Amino acid sequence: VCLCFSFSRRLKELHTKEPSAKGNMLRLSVEAGGCSGFQYTFSLDSKENADDRVFEKNGVKLVVDNVSYDFVKGSTIDYAEELISSAFVVSTNPSAVGGCSCKSSFMVK
């Protein structure tokens, strides 16, 4: 899993602006759902589980559980800022063969 600079910059900003978020990691999970079968969910987490894969860049961490990791192996995680919304995103995923226009739902190979 590759973490983009904008990912680490935004997570550091959250740590600075939100005292309750300080030191928290971003957790990426894959769940059944969405228009294409699977969807990504991002949440702040203070706990690292025994089965987590941990990725670090510029002092901030992304954690992914083992089951979700199989779906996002080789992916690039970014922070996208657009007129309508801004969010953490999976910008590329080699395991995905298609998805919907919202970019949060995908199909696997």
PDB file of N, CA and C in Angstrom:
ATOM      1  N   VAL A   1       0.854  -1.179   0.000  1.00  0.00           N
ATOM      2  CA  VAL A   1       0.000   0.000   0.000  1.00  0.00           C
ATOM      3  C   VAL A   1       0.896   1.236   0.000  1.00  0.00           C
ATOM      4  N   CYS A   2       0.601   2.146  -0.901  1.00  0.00           N
ATOM      5  CA  CYS A   2       1.374   3.382  -1.039  1.00  0.00           C
ATOM      6  C   CYS A   2       0.546   4.549  -0.492  1.00  0.00           C
ATOM      7  N   LEU A   3       1.170   5.389   0.321  1.00  0.00           N
ATOM      8  CA  LEU A   3       0.497   6.550   0.893  1.00  0.00           C
ATOM      9  C   LEU A   3       1.015   7.810   0.214  1.00  0.00           C
ATOM     10  N   CYS A   4       0.125   8.619  -0.317  1.00  0.00           N
ATOM     11  CA  CYS A   4       0.496   9.865  -0.982  1.00  0.00           C
ATOM     12  C   CYS A   4       0.801  10.952   0.046  1.00  0.00           C
ATOM     13  N   PHE A   5       1.537  11.970  -0.402  1.00  0.00           N
ATOM     14  CA  PHE A   5       1.876  13.086   0.476  1.00  0.00           C
ATOM     15  C   PHE A   5       0.617  13.780   0.994  1.00  0.00           C
ATOM     16  N   SER A   6      -0.387  13.962   0.134  1.00  0.00           N
ATOM     17  CA  SER A   6      -1.615  14.646   0.562  1.00  0.00           C
ATOM     18  C   SER A   6      -2.343  13.867   1.657  1.00  0.00           C
ATOM     19  N   PHE A   7      -2.201  12.535   1.653  1.00  0.00           N
ATOM     20  CA  PHE A   7      -2.764  11.708   2.726  1.00  0.00           C
ATOM     21  C   PHE A   7      -2.123  12.084   4.058  1.00  0.00           C
ATOM     22  N   SER A   8      -0.794  12.082   4.105  1.00  0.00           N
ATOM     23  CA  SER A   8      -0.106  12.362   5.370  1.00  0.00           C
ATOM     24  C   SER A   8      -0.319  13.809   5.802  1.00  0.00           C
ATOM     25  N   ARG A   9      -0.329  14.741   4.844  1.00  0.00           N
ATOM     26  CA  ARG A   9      -0.551  16.148   5.184  1.00  0.00           C
ATOM     27  C   ARG A   9      -1.920  16.336   5.835  1.00  0.00           C
ATOM     28  N   ARG A  10      -2.962  15.734   5.251  1.00  0.00           N
ATOM     29  CA  ARG A  10      -4.318  15.910   5.789  1.00  0.00           C
ATOM     30  C   ARG A  10      -4.478  15.244   7.151  1.00  0.00           C
ATOM     31  N   LEU A  11      -3.897  14.069   7.336  1.00  0.00           N
ATOM     32  CA  LEU A  11      -4.015  13.405   8.633  1.00  0.00           C
ATOM     33  C   LEU A  11      -3.283  14.209   9.708  1.00  0.00           C
ATOM     34  N   LYS A  12      -2.142  14.809   9.364  1.00  0.00           N
ATOM     35  CA  LYS A  12      -1.440  15.684  10.313  1.00  0.00           C
ATOM     36  C   LYS A  12      -2.288  16.909  10.649  1.00  0.00           C
ATOM     37  N   GLU A  13      -2.970  17.481   9.650  1.00  0.00           N
ATOM     38  CA  GLU A  13      -3.866  18.616   9.887  1.00  0.00           C
ATOM     39  C   GLU A  13      -4.975  18.235  10.858  1.00  0.00           C
ATOM     40  N   LEU A  14      -5.552  17.055  10.689  1.00  0.00           N
ATOM     41  CA  LEU A  14      -6.597  16.589  11.611  1.00  0.00           C
ATOM     42  C   LEU A  14      -6.058  16.473  13.029  1.00  0.00           C
ATOM     43  N   HIS A  15      -4.844  15.968  13.170  1.00  0.00           N
ATOM     44  CA  HIS A  15      -4.230  15.849  14.498  1.00  0.00           C
ATOM     45  C   HIS A  15      -4.077  17.219  15.145  1.00  0.00           C
ATOM     46  N   THR A  16      -3.762  18.233  14.352  1.00  0.00           N
ATOM     47  CA  THR A  16      -3.557  19.586  14.868  1.00  0.00           C
ATOM     48  C   THR A  16      -4.878  20.273  15.199  1.00  0.00           C
ATOM     49  N   LYS A  17      -5.866  20.152  14.313  1.00  0.00           N
ATOM     50  CA  LYS A  17      -7.136  20.871  14.458  1.00  0.00           C
ATOM     51  C   LYS A  17      -8.106  20.215  15.428  1.00  0.00           C
ATOM     52  N   GLU A  18      -8.056  18.908  15.541  1.00  0.00           N
ATOM     53  CA  GLU A  18      -8.990  18.170  16.393  1.00  0.00           C
ATOM     54  C   GLU A  18      -8.224  17.496  17.529  1.00  0.00           C
ATOM     55  N   PRO A  19      -8.264  18.061  18.737  1.00  0.00           N
ATOM     56  CA  PRO A  19      -7.518  17.464  19.853  1.00  0.00           C
ATOM     57  C   PRO A  19      -7.855  15.995  20.093  1.00  0.00           C
ATOM     58  N   SER A  20      -9.098  15.602  19.859  1.00  0.00           N
ATOM     59  CA  SER A  20      -9.488  14.205  20.087  1.00  0.00           C
ATOM     60  C   SER A  20      -8.881  13.262  19.044  1.00  0.00           C
ATOM     61  N   ALA A  21      -8.428  13.802  17.911  1.00  0.00           N
ATOM     62  CA  ALA A  21      -7.848  12.976  16.848  1.00  0.00           C
ATOM     63  C   ALA A  21      -6.338  12.821  16.985  1.00  0.00           C
ATOM     64  N   LYS A  22      -5.732  13.580  17.874  1.00  0.00           N
ATOM     65  CA  LYS A  22      -4.266  13.588  17.979  1.00  0.00           C
ATOM     66  C   LYS A  22      -3.723  12.179  18.217  1.00  0.00           C
ATOM     67  N   GLY A  23      -2.799  11.776  17.377  1.00  0.00           N
ATOM     68  CA  GLY A  23      -2.163  10.476  17.513  1.00  0.00           C
ATOM     69  C   GLY A  23      -2.943   9.318  16.918  1.00  0.00           C
ATOM     70  N   ASN A  24      -4.179   9.562  16.503  1.00  0.00           N
ATOM     71  CA  ASN A  24      -4.979   8.476  15.925  1.00  0.00           C
ATOM     72  C   ASN A  24      -4.465   8.081  14.544  1.00  0.00           C
ATOM     73  N   MET A  25      -4.685   6.836  14.215  1.00  0.00           N
ATOM     74  CA  MET A  25      -4.350   6.311  12.895  1.00  0.00           C
ATOM     75  C   MET A  25      -5.615   6.351  12.045  1.00  0.00           C
ATOM     76  N   LEU A  26      -5.439   6.300  10.742  1.00  0.00           N
ATOM     77  CA  LEU A  26      -6.589   6.168   9.863  1.00  0.00           C
ATOM     78  C   LEU A  26      -6.747   4.692   9.542  1.00  0.00           C
ATOM     79  N   ARG A  27      -7.948   4.177   9.734  1.00  0.00           N
ATOM     80  CA  ARG A  27      -8.225   2.771   9.453  1.00  0.00           C
ATOM     81  C   ARG A  27      -8.988   2.674   8.130  1.00  0.00           C
ATOM     82  N   LEU A  28      -8.480   1.825   7.250  1.00  0.00           N
ATOM     83  CA  LEU A  28      -9.148   1.527   5.988  1.00  0.00           C
ATOM     84  C   LEU A  28      -9.723   0.129   6.080  1.00  0.00           C
ATOM     85  N   SER A  29     -11.015   0.007   5.804  1.00  0.00           N
ATOM     86  CA  SER A  29     -11.687  -1.295   5.802  1.00  0.00           C
ATOM     87  C   SER A  29     -12.428  -1.468   4.490  1.00  0.00           C
ATOM     88  N   VAL A  30     -12.622  -2.708   4.116  1.00  0.00           N
ATOM     89  CA  VAL A  30     -13.429  -3.037   2.944  1.00  0.00           C
ATOM     90  C   VAL A  30     -14.617  -3.842   3.440  1.00  0.00           C
ATOM     91  N   GLU A  31     -15.812  -3.413   3.038  1.00  0.00           N
ATOM     92  CA  GLU A  31     -17.041  -4.081   3.460  1.00  0.00           C
ATOM     93  C   GLU A  31     -17.885  -4.419   2.235  1.00  0.00           C
ATOM     94  N   ALA A  32     -18.736  -5.406   2.368  1.00  0.00           N
ATOM     95  CA  ALA A  32     -19.691  -5.712   1.304  1.00  0.00           C
ATOM     96  C   ALA A  32     -20.690  -4.570   1.227  1.00  0.00           C
ATOM     97  N   GLY A  33     -21.007  -4.142   0.012  1.00  0.00           N
ATOM     98  CA  GLY A  33     -21.984  -3.079  -0.150  1.00  0.00           C
ATOM     99  C   GLY A  33     -21.637  -2.161  -1.299  1.00  0.00           C
ATOM    100  N   GLY A  34     -22.401  -1.104  -1.430  1.00  0.00           N
ATOM    101  CA  GLY A  34     -22.201  -0.159  -2.516  1.00  0.00           C
ATOM    102  C   GLY A  34     -22.782  -0.687  -3.814  1.00  0.00           C
ATOM    103  N   CYS A  35     -22.692   0.101  -4.857  1.00  0.00           N
ATOM    104  CA  CYS A  35     -23.279  -0.272  -6.153  1.00  0.00           C
ATOM    105  C   CYS A  35     -22.536  -1.410  -6.838  1.00  0.00           C
ATOM    106  N   SER A  36     -21.246  -1.584  -6.513  1.00  0.00           N
ATOM    107  CA  SER A  36     -20.431  -2.552  -7.252  1.00  0.00           C
ATOM    108  C   SER A  36     -20.029  -3.787  -6.455  1.00  0.00           C
ATOM    109  N   GLY A  37     -20.506  -3.911  -5.226  1.00  0.00           N
ATOM    110  CA  GLY A  37     -20.241  -5.125  -4.454  1.00  0.00           C
ATOM    111  C   GLY A  37     -19.420  -4.928  -3.202  1.00  0.00           C
ATOM    112  N   PHE A  38     -18.406  -4.048  -3.268  1.00  0.00           N
ATOM    113  CA  PHE A  38     -17.564  -3.770  -2.105  1.00  0.00           C
ATOM    114  C   PHE A  38     -17.378  -2.268  -1.984  1.00  0.00           C
ATOM    115  N   GLN A  39     -17.184  -1.812  -0.745  1.00  0.00           N
ATOM    116  CA  GLN A  39     -16.956  -0.385  -0.542  1.00  0.00           C
ATOM    117  C   GLN A  39     -15.861  -0.154   0.482  1.00  0.00           C
ATOM    118  N   TYR A  40     -15.179   0.968   0.327  1.00  0.00           N
ATOM    119  CA  TYR A  40     -14.129   1.370   1.254  1.00  0.00           C
ATOM    120  C   TYR A  40     -14.746   2.180   2.384  1.00  0.00           C
ATOM    121  N   THR A  41     -14.250   1.988   3.597  1.00  0.00           N
ATOM    122  CA  THR A  41     -14.625   2.855   4.709  1.00  0.00           C
ATOM    123  C   THR A  41     -13.352   3.322   5.394  1.00  0.00           C
ATOM    124  N   PHE A  42     -13.328   4.591   5.762  1.00  0.00           N
ATOM    125  CA  PHE A  42     -12.207   5.179   6.483  1.00  0.00           C
ATOM    126  C   PHE A  42     -12.715   5.661   7.833  1.00  0.00           C
ATOM    127  N   SER A  43     -11.930   5.440   8.881  1.00  0.00           N
ATOM    128  CA  SER A  43     -12.290   5.927  10.209  1.00  0.00           C
ATOM    129  C   SER A  43     -11.018   6.165  11.013  1.00  0.00           C
ATOM    130  N   LEU A  44     -11.100   7.072  11.975  1.00  0.00           N
ATOM    131  CA  LEU A  44      -9.975   7.293  12.877  1.00  0.00           C
ATOM    132  C   LEU A  44     -10.002   6.226  13.954  1.00  0.00           C
ATOM    133  N   ASP A  45      -8.843   5.742  14.333  1.00  0.00           N
ATOM    134  CA  ASP A  45      -8.755   4.669  15.321  1.00  0.00           C
ATOM    135  C   ASP A  45      -7.520   4.883  16.183  1.00  0.00           C
ATOM    136  N   SER A  46      -7.659   4.659  17.462  1.00  0.00           N
ATOM    137  CA  SER A  46      -6.527   4.797  18.379  1.00  0.00           C
ATOM    138  C   SER A  46      -5.908   3.451  18.723  1.00  0.00           C
ATOM    139  N   LYS A  47      -6.546   2.362  18.264  1.00  0.00           N
ATOM    140  CA  LYS A  47      -6.102   1.020  18.645  1.00  0.00           C
ATOM    141  C   LYS A  47      -5.592   0.250  17.435  1.00  0.00           C
ATOM    142  N   GLU A  48      -4.454  -0.373  17.618  1.00  0.00           N
ATOM    143  CA  GLU A  48      -3.883  -1.237  16.589  1.00  0.00           C
ATOM    144  C   GLU A  48      -4.150  -2.681  16.989  1.00  0.00           C
ATOM    145  N   ASN A  49      -4.833  -3.440  16.135  1.00  0.00           N
ATOM    146  CA  ASN A  49      -5.158  -4.832  16.426  1.00  0.00           C
ATOM    147  C   ASN A  49      -4.033  -5.762  15.986  1.00  0.00           C
ATOM    148  N   ALA A  50      -4.024  -6.966  16.539  1.00  0.00           N
ATOM    149  CA  ALA A  50      -2.957  -7.930  16.256  1.00  0.00           C
ATOM    150  C   ALA A  50      -2.884  -8.305  14.779  1.00  0.00           C
ATOM    151  N   ASP A  51      -4.025  -8.312  14.080  1.00  0.00           N
ATOM    152  CA  ASP A  51      -4.021  -8.715  12.665  1.00  0.00           C
ATOM    153  C   ASP A  51      -3.913  -7.536  11.697  1.00  0.00           C
ATOM    154  N   ASP A  52      -3.625  -6.342  12.191  1.00  0.00           N
ATOM    155  CA  ASP A  52      -3.529  -5.163  11.335  1.00  0.00           C
ATOM    156  C   ASP A  52      -2.214  -5.109  10.571  1.00  0.00           C
ATOM    157  N   ARG A  53      -2.288  -4.615   9.359  1.00  0.00           N
ATOM    158  CA  ARG A  53      -1.104  -4.233   8.590  1.00  0.00           C
ATOM    159  C   ARG A  53      -0.966  -2.731   8.809  1.00  0.00           C
ATOM    160  N   VAL A  54       0.233  -2.271   9.120  1.00  0.00           N
ATOM    161  CA  VAL A  54       0.459  -0.861   9.431  1.00  0.00           C
ATOM    162  C   VAL A  54       1.364  -0.249   8.368  1.00  0.00           C
ATOM    163  N   PHE A  55       0.945   0.899   7.840  1.00  0.00           N
ATOM    164  CA  PHE A  55       1.711   1.635   6.840  1.00  0.00           C
ATOM    165  C   PHE A  55       1.927   3.042   7.378  1.00  0.00           C
ATOM    166  N   GLU A  56       3.140   3.555   7.251  1.00  0.00           N
ATOM    167  CA  GLU A  56       3.468   4.843   7.846  1.00  0.00           C
ATOM    168  C   GLU A  56       4.152   5.743   6.834  1.00  0.00           C
ATOM    169  N   LYS A  57       3.790   7.035   6.894  1.00  0.00           N
ATOM    170  CA  LYS A  57       4.455   8.040   6.063  1.00  0.00           C
ATOM    171  C   LYS A  57       4.446   9.361   6.807  1.00  0.00           C
ATOM    172  N   ASN A  58       5.601   9.984   6.895  1.00  0.00           N
ATOM    173  CA  ASN A  58       5.744  11.302   7.527  1.00  0.00           C
ATOM    174  C   ASN A  58       5.142  11.351   8.929  1.00  0.00           C
ATOM    175  N   GLY A  59       5.261  10.260   9.676  1.00  0.00           N
ATOM    176  CA  GLY A  59       4.829  10.252  11.070  1.00  0.00           C
ATOM    177  C   GLY A  59       3.364   9.946  11.309  1.00  0.00           C
ATOM    178  N   VAL A  60       2.597   9.627  10.270  1.00  0.00           N
ATOM    179  CA  VAL A  60       1.194   9.237  10.455  1.00  0.00           C
ATOM    180  C   VAL A  60       0.995   7.828   9.909  1.00  0.00           C
ATOM    181  N   LYS A  61      -0.033   7.149  10.418  1.00  0.00           N
ATOM    182  CA  LYS A  61      -0.219   5.735  10.085  1.00  0.00           C
ATOM    183  C   LYS A  61      -1.590   5.446   9.473  1.00  0.00           C
ATOM    184  N   LEU A  62      -1.569   4.477   8.566  1.00  0.00           N
ATOM    185  CA  LEU A  62      -2.777   3.861   8.032  1.00  0.00           C
ATOM    186  C   LEU A  62      -2.755   2.419   8.495  1.00  0.00           C
ATOM    187  N   VAL A  63      -3.872   1.926   9.023  1.00  0.00           N
ATOM    188  CA  VAL A  63      -3.962   0.521   9.421  1.00  0.00           C
ATOM    189  C   VAL A  63      -5.057  -0.157   8.600  1.00  0.00           C
ATOM    190  N   VAL A  64      -4.772  -1.405   8.225  1.00  0.00           N
ATOM    191  CA  VAL A  64      -5.700  -2.197   7.420  1.00  0.00           C
ATOM    192  C   VAL A  64      -5.739  -3.591   8.017  1.00  0.00           C
ATOM    193  N   ASP A  65      -6.930  -4.113   8.321  1.00  0.00           N
ATOM    194  CA  ASP A  65      -7.025  -5.473   8.850  1.00  0.00           C
ATOM    195  C   ASP A  65      -6.668  -6.469   7.747  1.00  0.00           C
ATOM    196  N   ASN A  66      -6.308  -7.685   8.141  1.00  0.00           N
ATOM    197  CA  ASN A  66      -5.835  -8.706   7.197  1.00  0.00           C
ATOM    198  C   ASN A  66      -6.841  -9.035   6.098  1.00  0.00           C
ATOM    199  N   VAL A  67      -8.122  -9.121   6.442  1.00  0.00           N
ATOM    200  CA  VAL A  67      -9.143  -9.457   5.444  1.00  0.00           C
ATOM    201  C   VAL A  67      -9.250  -8.335   4.410  1.00  0.00           C
ATOM    202  N   SER A  68      -9.309  -7.090   4.876  1.00  0.00           N
ATOM    203  CA  SER A  68      -9.401  -5.951   3.955  1.00  0.00           C
ATOM    204  C   SER A  68      -8.139  -5.813   3.117  1.00  0.00           C
ATOM    205  N   TYR A  69      -6.991  -6.150   3.697  1.00  0.00           N
ATOM    206  CA  TYR A  69      -5.721  -6.019   2.975  1.00  0.00           C
ATOM    207  C   TYR A  69      -5.720  -6.821   1.676  1.00  0.00           C
ATOM    208  N   ASP A  70      -6.345  -7.989   1.687  1.00  0.00           N
ATOM    209  CA  ASP A  70      -6.412  -8.799   0.465  1.00  0.00           C
ATOM    210  C   ASP A  70      -7.102  -8.052  -0.679  1.00  0.00           C
ATOM    211  N   PHE A  71      -8.004  -7.125  -0.354  1.00  0.00           N
ATOM    212  CA  PHE A  71      -8.727  -6.357  -1.367  1.00  0.00           C
ATOM    213  C   PHE A  71      -7.983  -5.095  -1.808  1.00  0.00           C
ATOM    214  N   VAL A  72      -7.046  -4.604  -0.986  1.00  0.00           N
ATOM    215  CA  VAL A  72      -6.386  -3.323  -1.289  1.00  0.00           C
ATOM    216  C   VAL A  72      -4.874  -3.447  -1.485  1.00  0.00           C
ATOM    217  N   LYS A  73      -4.368  -4.668  -1.516  1.00  0.00           N
ATOM    218  CA  LYS A  73      -2.931  -4.886  -1.708  1.00  0.00           C
ATOM    219  C   LYS A  73      -2.463  -4.175  -2.981  1.00  0.00           C
ATOM    220  N   GLY A  74      -1.412  -3.363  -2.861  1.00  0.00           N
ATOM    221  CA  GLY A  74      -0.877  -2.635  -4.013  1.00  0.00           C
ATOM    222  C   GLY A  74      -1.592  -1.329  -4.326  1.00  0.00           C
ATOM    223  N   SER A  75      -2.544  -0.938  -3.494  1.00  0.00           N
ATOM    224  CA  SER A  75      -3.330   0.277  -3.733  1.00  0.00           C
ATOM    225  C   SER A  75      -2.578   1.538  -3.329  1.00  0.00           C
ATOM    226  N   THR A  76      -3.052   2.662  -3.845  1.00  0.00           N
ATOM    227  CA  THR A  76      -2.540   3.977  -3.470  1.00  0.00           C
ATOM    228  C   THR A  76      -3.641   4.710  -2.716  1.00  0.00           C
ATOM    229  N   ILE A  77      -3.286   5.230  -1.531  1.00  0.00           N
ATOM    230  CA  ILE A  77      -4.244   5.949  -0.687  1.00  0.00           C
ATOM    231  C   ILE A  77      -3.904   7.431  -0.759  1.00  0.00           C
ATOM    232  N   ASP A  78      -4.911   8.255  -0.971  1.00  0.00           N
ATOM    233  CA  ASP A  78      -4.702   9.676  -1.208  1.00  0.00           C
ATOM    234  C   ASP A  78      -5.758  10.474  -0.441  1.00  0.00           C
ATOM    235  N   TYR A  79      -5.632  11.794  -0.492  1.00  0.00           N
ATOM    236  CA  TYR A  79      -6.667  12.683   0.012  1.00  0.00           C
ATOM    237  C   TYR A  79      -7.066  13.564  -1.155  1.00  0.00           C
ATOM    238  N   ALA A  80      -8.318  13.512  -1.558  1.00  0.00           N
ATOM    239  CA  ALA A  80      -8.797  14.260  -2.723  1.00  0.00           C
ATOM    240  C   ALA A  80      -9.645  15.441  -2.275  1.00  0.00           C
ATOM    241  N   GLU A  81      -9.334  16.613  -2.823  1.00  0.00           N
ATOM    242  CA  GLU A  81     -10.105  17.821  -2.541  1.00  0.00           C
ATOM    243  C   GLU A  81     -10.800  18.253  -3.822  1.00  0.00           C
ATOM    244  N   GLU A  82     -12.125  18.296  -3.755  1.00  0.00           N
ATOM    245  CA  GLU A  82     -12.920  18.704  -4.908  1.00  0.00           C
ATOM    246  C   GLU A  82     -13.916  19.766  -4.467  1.00  0.00           C
ATOM    247  N   LEU A  83     -14.587  20.387  -5.410  1.00  0.00           N
ATOM    248  CA  LEU A  83     -15.551  21.433  -5.071  1.00  0.00           C
ATOM    249  C   LEU A  83     -16.668  20.924  -4.183  1.00  0.00           C
ATOM    250  N   ILE A  84     -17.169  19.738  -4.474  1.00  0.00           N
ATOM    251  CA  ILE A  84     -18.317  19.201  -3.751  1.00  0.00           C
ATOM    252  C   ILE A  84     -17.919  18.607  -2.407  1.00  0.00           C
ATOM    253  N   SER A  85     -16.790  17.909  -2.364  1.00  0.00           N
ATOM    254  CA  SER A  85     -16.383  17.267  -1.110  1.00  0.00           C
ATOM    255  C   SER A  85     -14.884  17.001  -1.106  1.00  0.00           C
ATOM    256  N   SER A  86     -14.373  16.700   0.058  1.00  0.00           N
ATOM    257  CA  SER A  86     -12.979  16.301   0.237  1.00  0.00           C
ATOM    258  C   SER A  86     -12.982  15.057   1.097  1.00  0.00           C
ATOM    259  N   ALA A  87     -12.121  14.091   0.749  1.00  0.00           N
ATOM    260  CA  ALA A  87     -12.143  12.827   1.486  1.00  0.00           C
ATOM    261  C   ALA A  87     -10.873  12.028   1.227  1.00  0.00           C
ATOM    262  N   PHE A  88     -10.583  11.114   2.149  1.00  0.00           N
ATOM    263  CA  PHE A  88      -9.554  10.116   1.909  1.00  0.00           C
ATOM    264  C   PHE A  88     -10.114   9.154   0.870  1.00  0.00           C
ATOM    265  N   VAL A  89      -9.268   8.747  -0.085  1.00  0.00           N
ATOM    266  CA  VAL A  89      -9.725   7.882  -1.171  1.00  0.00           C
ATOM    267  C   VAL A  89      -8.676   6.828  -1.497  1.00  0.00           C
ATOM    268  N   VAL A  90      -9.137   5.742  -2.079  1.00  0.00           N
ATOM    269  CA  VAL A  90      -8.245   4.758  -2.687  1.00  0.00           C
ATOM    270  C   VAL A  90      -8.174   5.180  -4.149  1.00  0.00           C
ATOM    271  N   SER A  91      -7.060   5.806  -4.538  1.00  0.00           N
ATOM    272  CA  SER A  91      -6.986   6.376  -5.889  1.00  0.00           C
ATOM    273  C   SER A  91      -6.676   5.335  -6.956  1.00  0.00           C
ATOM    274  N   THR A  92      -5.916   4.308  -6.612  1.00  0.00           N
ATOM    275  CA  THR A  92      -5.697   3.192  -7.536  1.00  0.00           C
ATOM    276  C   THR A  92      -5.753   1.898  -6.743  1.00  0.00           C
ATOM    277  N   ASN A  93      -6.355   0.884  -7.340  1.00  0.00           N
ATOM    278  CA  ASN A  93      -6.439  -0.425  -6.701  1.00  0.00           C
ATOM    279  C   ASN A  93      -6.284  -1.494  -7.782  1.00  0.00           C
ATOM    280  N   PRO A  94      -5.136  -2.190  -7.807  1.00  0.00           N
ATOM    281  CA  PRO A  94      -4.928  -3.204  -8.835  1.00  0.00           C
ATOM    282  C   PRO A  94      -5.867  -4.406  -8.728  1.00  0.00           C
ATOM    283  N   SER A  95      -6.535  -4.574  -7.579  1.00  0.00           N
ATOM    284  CA  SER A  95      -7.471  -5.688  -7.408  1.00  0.00           C
ATOM    285  C   SER A  95      -8.863  -5.367  -7.936  1.00  0.00           C
ATOM    286  N   ALA A  96      -9.121  -4.095  -8.231  1.00  0.00           N
ATOM    287  CA  ALA A  96     -10.449  -3.677  -8.688  1.00  0.00           C
ATOM    288  C   ALA A  96     -10.532  -3.734 -10.210  1.00  0.00           C
ATOM    289  N   VAL A  97     -11.634  -4.251 -10.705  1.00  0.00           N
ATOM    290  CA  VAL A  97     -11.843  -4.307 -12.154  1.00  0.00           C
ATOM    291  C   VAL A  97     -12.895  -3.310 -12.615  1.00  0.00           C
ATOM    292  N   GLY A  98     -13.578  -2.720 -11.710  1.00  0.00           N
ATOM    293  CA  GLY A  98     -14.603  -1.754 -12.072  1.00  0.00           C
ATOM    294  C   GLY A  98     -15.164  -1.135 -10.819  1.00  0.00           C
ATOM    295  N   GLY A  99     -15.950  -0.115 -11.005  1.00  0.00           N
ATOM    296  CA  GLY A  99     -16.551   0.549  -9.868  1.00  0.00           C
ATOM    297  C   GLY A  99     -17.601   1.520 -10.338  1.00  0.00           C
ATOM    298  N   CYS A 100     -18.140   2.248  -9.393  1.00  0.00           N
ATOM    299  CA  CYS A 100     -19.160   3.225  -9.743  1.00  0.00           C
ATOM    300  C   CYS A 100     -18.538   4.618  -9.776  1.00  0.00           C
ATOM    301  N   SER A 101     -19.288   5.589 -10.212  1.00  0.00           N
ATOM    302  CA  SER A 101     -18.767   6.942 -10.365  1.00  0.00           C
ATOM    303  C   SER A 101     -18.427   7.610  -9.036  1.00  0.00           C
ATOM    304  N   CYS A 102     -18.965   7.119  -7.929  1.00  0.00           N
ATOM    305  CA  CYS A 102     -18.660   7.714  -6.623  1.00  0.00           C
ATOM    306  C   CYS A 102     -17.258   7.350  -6.149  1.00  0.00           C
ATOM    307  N   LYS A 103     -16.635   6.381  -6.770  1.00  0.00           N
ATOM    308  CA  LYS A 103     -15.272   5.919  -6.480  1.00  0.00           C
ATOM    309  C   LYS A 103     -15.111   5.291  -5.099  1.00  0.00           C
ATOM    310  N   SER A 104     -16.201   5.028  -4.404  1.00  0.00           N
ATOM    311  CA  SER A 104     -16.082   4.370  -3.101  1.00  0.00           C
ATOM    312  C   SER A 104     -16.523   2.916  -3.170  1.00  0.00           C
ATOM    313  N   SER A 105     -17.023   2.500  -4.307  1.00  0.00           N
ATOM    314  CA  SER A 105     -17.497   1.134  -4.481  1.00  0.00           C
ATOM    315  C   SER A 105     -16.753   0.503  -5.652  1.00  0.00           C
ATOM    316  N   PHE A 106     -16.457  -0.801  -5.528  1.00  0.00           N
ATOM    317  CA  PHE A 106     -15.673  -1.450  -6.573  1.00  0.00           C
ATOM    318  C   PHE A 106     -15.998  -2.930  -6.684  1.00  0.00           C
ATOM    319  N   MET A 107     -15.594  -3.524  -7.810  1.00  0.00           N
ATOM    320  CA  MET A 107     -15.687  -4.970  -8.040  1.00  0.00           C
ATOM    321  C   MET A 107     -14.267  -5.524  -8.039  1.00  0.00           C
ATOM    322  N   VAL A 108     -14.108  -6.777  -7.622  1.00  0.00           N
ATOM    323  CA  VAL A 108     -12.775  -7.385  -7.604  1.00  0.00           C
ATOM    324  C   VAL A 108     -12.602  -8.329  -8.783  1.00  0.00           C
ATOM    325  N   LYS A 109     -11.332  -8.572  -9.119  1.00  0.00           N
ATOM    326  CA  LYS A 109     -10.976  -9.472 -10.233  1.00  0.00           C
ATOM    327  C   LYS A 109     -11.403 -10.882  -9.937  1.00  0.00           C
TER     328      LYS A 109
END
